[in-house]
């Protein structure tokens, strides 16, 4: 006498199991690709950089090189993570309920808009104000509702950066409206 067998791979309604293309859930590979492009861009720019007196260990070429290496390592780590744990469409959790994932376009738009606004305002209003606004915009985009506190923190941080770059490193950041005083 044969015993009936049950299979968890196929649905009970007689339909064939859902198949997913090999690239399903791999759209996140865009980020590692962008990191690779950024790393290559930094290496090319670093190779083209003309520097007088390259005897210093941490000269002008060190930071772009370190950043390129971090981009490559992060891209490799993300790629490995994406291939080992893909987000497959129509996936279900442990209890059989469908997993719902979505892109948060509001956050993406606010954060990207903050960076675009920063690049537009940097020269006319200066580093301190533009830096405070980009900090504030990113905190709002990420969901903070402490608007005044975040703006004050942004002003403090951008002022500290201005002091460090101007006073300690001897580099000038755009003064903007503060250059009129």
Protein backbone atom coordinates (compact mmCIF):
# COMPACT_ATOMS: atom_id res chain seq x y z
CA UNK A 1 0.00 0.00 0.00
CA UNK A 2 1.41 3.33 -0.97
CA UNK A 3 1.16 6.31 1.28
CA UNK A 4 0.24 9.68 -0.15
CA UNK A 5 3.04 12.20 -0.23
CA UNK A 6 2.68 15.89 0.21
CA UNK A 7 4.87 18.45 -1.37
CA UNK A 8 5.42 21.92 -0.02
CA UNK A 9 6.97 23.03 -3.28
CA UNK A 10 3.77 23.16 -5.29
CA UNK A 11 0.56 24.88 -4.38
CA UNK A 12 -2.44 22.75 -3.43
CA UNK A 13 -4.63 24.25 -6.13
CA UNK A 14 -2.78 22.37 -8.86
CA UNK A 15 -0.94 25.38 -10.30
CA UNK A 16 2.72 25.05 -11.09
CA UNK A 17 5.06 26.58 -8.55
CA UNK A 18 6.03 30.16 -9.22
CA UNK A 19 9.38 30.53 -10.88
CA UNK A 20 11.52 33.61 -10.67
CA UNK A 21 14.01 34.82 -13.23
CA UNK A 22 17.66 34.60 -12.26
CA UNK A 23 17.84 38.38 -11.81
CA UNK A 24 14.70 38.64 -9.64
CA UNK A 25 15.42 40.70 -6.57
CA UNK A 26 18.75 41.86 -7.93
CA UNK A 27 17.80 45.45 -8.75
CA UNK A 28 19.76 46.50 -5.67
CA UNK A 29 22.93 45.83 -7.69
CA UNK A 30 22.57 49.39 -8.97
CA UNK A 31 24.14 50.70 -5.76
CA UNK A 32 27.30 48.55 -5.94
CA UNK A 33 27.59 49.49 -9.63
CA UNK A 34 27.44 53.19 -8.73
CA UNK A 35 30.05 52.63 -6.02
CA UNK A 36 32.33 50.94 -8.55
CA UNK A 37 31.91 53.83 -10.97
CA UNK A 38 32.66 56.31 -8.18
CA UNK A 39 35.76 54.33 -7.14
CA UNK A 40 37.07 54.22 -10.71
CA UNK A 41 36.33 57.95 -11.11
CA UNK A 42 38.31 58.68 -7.93
CA UNK A 43 41.26 56.54 -9.06
CA UNK A 44 41.37 58.23 -12.47
CA UNK A 45 41.14 61.67 -10.91
CA UNK A 46 43.80 60.74 -8.38
CA UNK A 47 46.15 59.56 -11.14
CA UNK A 48 45.64 62.81 -13.07
CA UNK A 49 46.25 65.01 -10.00
CA UNK A 50 49.40 67.14 -10.15
CA UNK A 51 50.88 67.50 -6.68
CA UNK A 52 54.05 69.32 -5.75
CA UNK A 53 56.18 67.42 -3.24
CA UNK A 54 54.56 64.04 -2.77
CA UNK A 55 56.76 63.15 0.22
CA UNK A 56 53.95 63.37 2.77
CA UNK A 57 52.23 60.16 3.82
CA UNK A 58 48.79 61.75 3.90
CA UNK A 59 49.04 64.26 1.11
CA UNK A 60 46.29 65.36 -1.25
CA UNK A 61 46.22 61.95 -2.99
CA UNK A 62 45.64 59.92 0.18
CA UNK A 63 41.99 60.76 0.85
CA UNK A 64 40.71 60.02 -2.67
CA UNK A 65 42.65 56.74 -2.65
CA UNK A 66 41.21 55.71 0.74
CA UNK A 67 37.72 56.69 -0.43
CA UNK A 68 38.12 54.64 -3.64
CA UNK A 69 39.21 51.60 -1.63
CA UNK A 70 36.22 52.01 0.70
CA UNK A 71 33.94 52.24 -2.37
CA UNK A 72 35.37 49.01 -3.82
CA UNK A 73 35.16 47.10 -0.52
CA UNK A 74 31.60 48.30 0.11
CA UNK A 75 30.56 47.41 -3.46
CA UNK A 76 32.00 43.91 -3.07
CA UNK A 77 30.31 43.43 0.30
CA UNK A 78 26.94 44.66 -1.00
CA UNK A 79 27.18 42.48 -4.11
CA UNK A 80 27.92 39.40 -2.01
CA UNK A 81 25.02 40.27 0.30
CA UNK A 82 22.60 40.78 -2.59
CA UNK A 83 23.51 37.48 -4.26
CA UNK A 84 23.35 35.48 -1.03
CA UNK A 85 20.11 37.07 0.25
CA UNK A 86 18.06 38.27 -2.73
CA UNK A 87 14.72 39.96 -2.26
CA UNK A 88 12.54 37.78 -4.44
CA UNK A 89 9.21 39.19 -5.63
CA UNK A 90 6.15 37.47 -4.20
CA UNK A 91 8.20 36.14 -1.30
CA UNK A 92 6.43 35.01 1.85
CA UNK A 93 7.44 35.15 5.50
CA UNK A 94 7.66 32.16 7.88
CA UNK A 95 3.89 32.12 8.36
CA UNK A 96 3.06 32.22 4.65
CA UNK A 97 2.02 35.88 4.55
CA UNK A 98 3.30 37.85 1.57
CA UNK A 99 6.20 40.16 2.24
CA UNK A 100 5.46 43.67 1.15
CA UNK A 101 8.38 45.86 0.24
CA UNK A 102 8.31 49.30 -1.23
CA UNK A 103 10.60 52.15 -2.09
CA UNK A 104 10.31 55.25 0.00
CA UNK A 105 10.36 57.84 -2.76
CA UNK A 106 9.44 60.69 -0.40
CA UNK A 107 12.61 60.18 1.63
CA UNK A 108 14.69 59.74 -1.51
CA UNK A 109 13.31 62.94 -3.04
CA UNK A 110 13.84 65.02 0.11
CA UNK A 111 17.41 63.80 0.64
CA UNK A 112 18.40 64.22 -3.02
CA UNK A 113 16.64 67.60 -3.13
CA UNK A 114 18.62 68.67 -0.08
CA UNK A 115 21.89 67.85 -1.83
CA UNK A 116 20.80 69.64 -5.01
CA UNK A 117 19.75 72.68 -2.99
CA UNK A 118 23.11 72.56 -1.19
CA UNK A 119 25.04 72.67 -4.46
CA UNK A 120 22.91 75.55 -5.73
CA UNK A 121 23.14 77.59 -2.52
CA UNK A 122 26.77 76.92 -1.53
CA UNK A 123 28.34 79.87 -3.36
CA UNK A 124 25.61 82.52 -2.85
CA UNK A 125 24.79 81.90 0.83
CA UNK A 126 28.02 80.24 1.99
CA UNK A 127 29.06 77.05 3.70
CA UNK A 128 27.53 77.69 7.10
CA UNK A 129 23.98 78.29 5.86
CA UNK A 130 24.11 75.73 3.03
CA UNK A 131 25.61 73.10 5.36
CA UNK A 132 22.93 73.73 7.98
CA UNK A 133 20.18 73.46 5.36
CA UNK A 134 21.48 70.19 3.92
CA UNK A 135 21.72 68.73 7.44
CA UNK A 136 18.20 69.90 8.22
CA UNK A 137 16.82 68.59 4.91
CA UNK A 138 18.34 65.15 5.42
CA UNK A 139 16.97 64.90 8.97
CA UNK A 140 13.51 65.86 7.71
CA UNK A 141 13.80 63.35 4.89
CA UNK A 142 14.73 60.61 7.33
CA UNK A 143 11.66 61.35 9.42
CA UNK A 144 12.72 63.72 12.19
CA UNK A 145 10.12 66.21 13.38
CA UNK A 146 12.45 68.27 15.56
CA UNK A 147 12.74 70.99 12.93
CA UNK A 148 14.16 73.85 15.01
CA UNK A 149 16.55 71.65 16.99
CA UNK A 150 17.87 70.02 13.80
CA UNK A 151 18.39 73.40 12.16
CA UNK A 152 20.34 74.63 15.20
CA UNK A 153 22.41 71.44 15.27
CA UNK A 154 23.09 71.88 11.54
CA UNK A 155 24.22 75.48 12.12
CA UNK A 156 26.52 74.37 14.94
CA UNK A 157 28.05 71.54 12.91
CA UNK A 158 28.59 73.63 9.79
CA UNK A 159 30.13 76.41 11.92
CA UNK A 160 32.52 73.92 13.52
CA UNK A 161 33.51 72.60 10.09
CA UNK A 162 34.08 76.19 8.92
CA UNK A 163 36.33 76.86 11.93
CA UNK A 164 38.30 73.63 11.49
CA UNK A 165 38.85 74.12 7.77
CA UNK A 166 39.59 77.83 8.02
CA UNK A 167 41.44 78.01 11.32
CA UNK A 168 43.26 74.71 11.62
CA UNK A 169 43.76 73.59 8.03
CA UNK A 170 44.06 77.01 6.40
CA UNK A 171 41.47 76.15 3.74
CA UNK A 172 38.66 78.48 2.85
CA UNK A 173 35.08 77.42 2.41
CA UNK A 174 32.64 79.73 0.63
CA UNK A 175 31.68 82.58 2.97
CA UNK A 176 28.57 83.65 1.06
CA UNK A 177 26.52 86.28 2.89
CA UNK A 178 28.93 86.22 5.84
CA UNK A 179 31.68 87.47 3.52
CA UNK A 180 29.90 90.84 3.33
CA UNK A 181 30.63 91.61 6.97
